[in-house]
């Protein structure tokens, strides 16, 4: 190969390597906190049976104003047996009474009562309103911060924003891994243990999965 061709090849290689390093460090920087969080919660999920959770349950009761009870009863007559959001007046009352944000969540309606489930990361909550006497009850269950982190890891009851974060984070992790692999390829000629180590990284989890997961 001519010296000019070698120089062009080396220059092209340097450009590609620079680009790969650029994408690699940017994706790693954006993934840093997410990877740390998912690694820690991977451990807590793997040892969930050994980590004792002590849920804290709080209950509150109140009485709805008579006009609001009448409005809800009329609304229930139209939505008996269906799932539908609370009227805005009921949502405002919950916000003022208990700082509960229904945010258009569907409630379960019947002639006797309306039940609003509000599952959340690391716990649970619900509101029940009797349509005959207007008695309202609010229960909040908090299972602790470890349970919260585990639910965040699984995307359980975490909302739309976190749903999109997980998708974007997963994409960035793919970029991080692929650019790292290509960087390894560029340096493999001077590092003889590169491909044996990559092979072990693939072989070990595959062997464990095939031999011990049934």
Protein backbone atom coordinates (compact mmCIF):
# COMPACT_ATOMS: atom_id res chain seq x y z
CA UNK A 1 0.00 0.00 0.00
CA UNK A 2 1.31 3.43 -0.93
CA UNK A 3 2.29 5.89 1.76
CA UNK A 4 -0.46 8.30 0.64
CA UNK A 5 -3.10 5.58 0.97
CA UNK A 6 -1.82 4.69 4.43
CA UNK A 7 -1.97 8.32 5.49
CA UNK A 8 -5.55 8.67 4.22
CA UNK A 9 -6.54 5.46 6.00
CA UNK A 10 -4.98 6.64 9.26
CA UNK A 11 -6.67 10.03 8.94
CA UNK A 12 -10.05 8.42 8.30
CA UNK A 13 -9.52 6.08 11.24
CA UNK A 14 -8.66 9.00 13.50
CA UNK A 15 -11.82 10.87 12.45
CA UNK A 16 -14.05 7.87 13.12
CA UNK A 17 -12.35 7.18 16.46
CA UNK A 18 -12.80 10.80 17.51
CA UNK A 19 -16.51 10.66 16.64
CA UNK A 20 -16.95 7.40 18.54
CA UNK A 21 -15.24 8.85 21.62
CA UNK A 22 -17.49 11.91 21.35
CA UNK A 23 -20.69 9.85 21.24
CA UNK A 24 -19.37 7.51 23.92
CA UNK A 25 -18.61 10.15 26.53
CA UNK A 26 -21.79 12.14 25.82
CA UNK A 27 -24.02 9.04 26.17
CA UNK A 28 -22.15 7.95 29.31
CA UNK A 29 -22.56 11.40 30.87
CA UNK A 30 -26.30 11.44 30.14
CA UNK A 31 -26.70 7.88 31.44
CA UNK A 32 -24.57 8.29 34.57
CA UNK A 33 -27.26 8.86 37.19
CA UNK A 34 -29.74 6.54 35.48
CA UNK A 35 -27.23 3.68 35.31
CA UNK A 36 -26.31 4.17 38.96
CA UNK A 37 -29.99 4.21 39.95
CA UNK A 38 -30.86 1.10 37.93
CA UNK A 39 -27.80 -0.76 39.23
CA UNK A 40 -28.69 -0.02 42.88
CA UNK A 41 -32.35 -0.91 42.39
CA UNK A 42 -31.29 -4.08 40.56
CA UNK A 43 -29.63 -5.14 43.83
CA UNK A 44 -32.63 -4.17 45.97
CA UNK A 45 -35.02 -6.02 43.65
CA UNK A 46 -32.79 -9.10 43.61
CA UNK A 47 -32.83 -9.13 47.43
CA UNK A 48 -36.43 -7.96 47.86
CA UNK A 49 -37.31 -10.94 50.10
CA UNK A 50 -34.44 -10.04 52.45
CA UNK A 51 -35.28 -6.34 52.72
CA UNK A 52 -38.14 -5.88 55.15
CA UNK A 53 -40.73 -3.31 54.17
CA UNK A 54 -42.80 -1.63 56.87
CA UNK A 55 -45.78 0.06 55.25
CA UNK A 56 -47.20 3.10 56.99
CA UNK A 57 -50.96 3.47 56.55
CA UNK A 58 -52.82 6.70 57.25
CA UNK A 59 -56.59 7.14 57.05
CA UNK A 60 -58.69 10.28 57.03
CA UNK A 61 -62.44 10.83 56.98
CA UNK A 62 -64.59 13.80 56.05
CA UNK A 63 -68.13 14.76 55.08
CA UNK A 64 -68.97 16.06 51.63
CA UNK A 65 -71.23 19.14 51.32
CA UNK A 66 -74.82 18.21 50.53
CA UNK A 67 -74.88 19.94 47.08
CA UNK A 68 -71.79 18.00 46.04
CA UNK A 69 -73.33 14.71 47.20
CA UNK A 70 -76.41 15.48 45.09
CA UNK A 71 -74.23 16.23 42.07
CA UNK A 72 -72.24 13.01 42.48
CA UNK A 73 -75.40 10.93 42.92
CA UNK A 74 -76.81 12.32 39.67
CA UNK A 75 -73.47 11.69 37.94
CA UNK A 76 -73.41 8.12 39.28
CA UNK A 77 -76.88 7.44 37.88
CA UNK A 78 -75.46 8.10 34.40
CA UNK A 79 -72.26 6.12 34.95
CA UNK A 80 -73.43 3.20 37.08
CA UNK A 81 -71.01 0.29 36.69
CA UNK A 82 -68.63 2.32 34.55
CA UNK A 83 -65.22 3.90 35.02
CA UNK A 84 -65.23 7.66 34.60
CA UNK A 85 -63.34 10.64 36.06
CA UNK A 86 -64.74 12.61 38.96
CA UNK A 87 -66.56 15.86 38.21
CA UNK A 88 -64.38 18.95 38.56
CA UNK A 89 -66.20 20.04 41.71
CA UNK A 90 -65.32 16.73 43.41
CA UNK A 91 -61.69 16.99 42.29
CA UNK A 92 -61.48 20.52 43.73
CA UNK A 93 -62.96 19.30 47.03
CA UNK A 94 -60.39 16.49 47.31
CA UNK A 95 -57.59 18.93 46.58
CA UNK A 96 -58.78 21.37 49.26
CA UNK A 97 -59.65 18.71 51.85
CA UNK A 98 -56.68 16.33 51.64
CA UNK A 99 -54.36 17.78 48.96
CA UNK A 100 -55.32 14.83 46.76
CA UNK A 101 -54.91 15.39 43.05
CA UNK A 102 -57.30 13.17 41.09
CA UNK A 103 -56.04 14.60 37.77
CA UNK A 104 -58.78 12.96 35.73
CA UNK A 105 -58.09 9.43 36.93
CA UNK A 106 -61.00 7.05 36.25
CA UNK A 107 -63.13 6.18 39.27
CA UNK A 108 -65.42 3.19 39.75
CA UNK A 109 -69.06 4.28 39.95
CA UNK A 110 -72.13 2.64 41.41
CA UNK A 111 -75.41 3.87 42.92
CA UNK A 112 -74.04 3.36 46.44
CA UNK A 113 -70.53 4.79 46.19
CA UNK A 114 -67.68 6.05 44.06
CA UNK A 115 -64.24 4.52 44.50
CA UNK A 116 -61.13 6.26 43.19
CA UNK A 117 -57.96 4.09 43.11
CA UNK A 118 -54.69 6.04 43.04
CA UNK A 119 -51.79 3.55 42.88
CA UNK A 120 -48.42 5.23 43.24
CA UNK A 121 -44.73 4.36 43.22
CA UNK A 122 -43.75 2.97 46.60
CA UNK A 123 -47.27 2.78 47.93
CA UNK A 124 -50.97 3.02 47.28
CA UNK A 125 -53.89 5.37 47.87
CA UNK A 126 -57.63 5.42 47.38
CA UNK A 127 -60.71 7.52 48.07
CA UNK A 128 -64.19 6.16 48.74
CA UNK A 129 -67.26 8.40 48.79
CA UNK A 130 -70.64 7.12 49.93
CA UNK A 131 -73.42 8.55 47.79
CA UNK A 132 -76.15 8.02 50.35
CA UNK A 133 -74.60 9.80 53.33
CA UNK A 134 -71.74 11.75 51.71
CA UNK A 135 -69.13 10.11 53.97
CA UNK A 136 -65.68 10.20 52.40
CA UNK A 137 -62.62 8.20 53.35
CA UNK A 138 -59.05 8.59 52.17
CA UNK A 139 -56.33 5.99 52.75
CA UNK A 140 -52.65 6.40 51.96
CA UNK A 141 -50.09 3.57 52.16
CA UNK A 142 -46.37 4.33 52.11
CA UNK A 143 -44.07 1.30 51.79
CA UNK A 144 -40.82 3.25 52.14
CA UNK A 145 -38.14 4.64 49.89
CA UNK A 146 -36.71 1.24 48.86
CA UNK A 147 -40.12 0.21 47.57
CA UNK A 148 -40.35 3.57 45.82
CA UNK A 149 -36.99 3.01 44.11
CA UNK A 150 -38.00 -0.52 43.08
CA UNK A 151 -41.21 0.77 41.50
CA UNK A 152 -39.23 3.50 39.73
CA UNK A 153 -36.91 0.79 38.35
CA UNK A 154 -39.89 -1.15 36.98
CA UNK A 155 -41.75 1.96 35.79
CA UNK A 156 -44.69 0.94 38.00
CA UNK A 157 -47.20 3.73 38.58
CA UNK A 158 -44.64 6.39 37.66
CA UNK A 159 -46.48 8.38 35.02
CA UNK A 160 -45.93 9.33 31.40
CA UNK A 161 -42.79 11.45 31.93
CA UNK A 162 -40.89 8.58 33.55
CA UNK A 163 -42.17 6.20 30.85
CA UNK A 164 -40.50 8.36 28.21
CA UNK A 165 -37.38 8.80 30.33
CA UNK A 166 -36.91 5.01 30.48
CA UNK A 167 -37.23 4.74 26.69
CA UNK A 168 -34.74 7.55 26.08
CA UNK A 169 -32.39 6.20 28.75
CA UNK A 170 -32.48 2.74 27.14
CA UNK A 171 -31.63 4.27 23.77
CA UNK A 172 -28.68 6.15 25.26
CA UNK A 173 -27.45 2.94 26.92
CA UNK A 174 -27.51 1.22 23.51
CA UNK A 175 -25.46 4.07 22.04
CA UNK A 176 -23.03 3.83 24.97
CA UNK A 177 -22.56 0.07 24.53
CA UNK A 178 -22.23 0.11 20.74
CA UNK A 179 -19.75 2.98 20.68
CA UNK A 180 -17.76 1.25 23.41
CA UNK A 181 -17.68 -1.94 21.35
CA UNK A 182 -16.50 -0.07 18.25
CA UNK A 183 -13.82 1.72 20.27
CA UNK A 184 -12.66 -1.67 21.51
CA UNK A 185 -12.48 -2.81 17.89
CA UNK A 186 -10.21 0.10 16.98
CA UNK A 187 -7.85 -0.65 19.88
CA UNK A 188 -8.04 -4.46 19.73
CA UNK A 189 -4.89 -4.81 17.63
CA UNK A 190 -2.78 -3.38 20.46
CA UNK A 191 -4.72 -5.08 23.25
CA UNK A 192 -4.70 -8.87 22.75
CA UNK A 193 -7.08 -9.57 25.63
CA UNK A 194 -9.85 -7.40 24.17
CA UNK A 195 -11.86 -10.06 22.34
CA UNK A 196 -11.36 -12.82 24.95
CA UNK A 197 -12.77 -10.44 27.58
CA UNK A 198 -15.68 -9.48 25.32
CA UNK A 199 -16.30 -13.18 24.71
CA UNK A 200 -16.38 -13.86 28.45
CA UNK A 201 -18.82 -11.00 28.92
CA UNK A 202 -21.15 -12.73 26.47
CA UNK A 203 -20.47 -16.34 27.42
CA UNK A 204 -20.88 -16.07 31.21
CA UNK A 205 -24.46 -14.69 31.30
CA UNK A 206 -25.53 -16.98 28.43
CA UNK A 207 -24.11 -20.04 30.21
CA UNK A 208 -25.79 -19.12 33.51
CA UNK A 209 -29.11 -18.53 31.73
CA UNK A 210 -28.96 -21.85 29.84
CA UNK A 211 -27.70 -23.99 32.73
CA UNK A 212 -29.42 -22.55 35.79
CA UNK A 213 -32.62 -20.82 34.66
CA UNK A 214 -35.43 -23.32 34.15
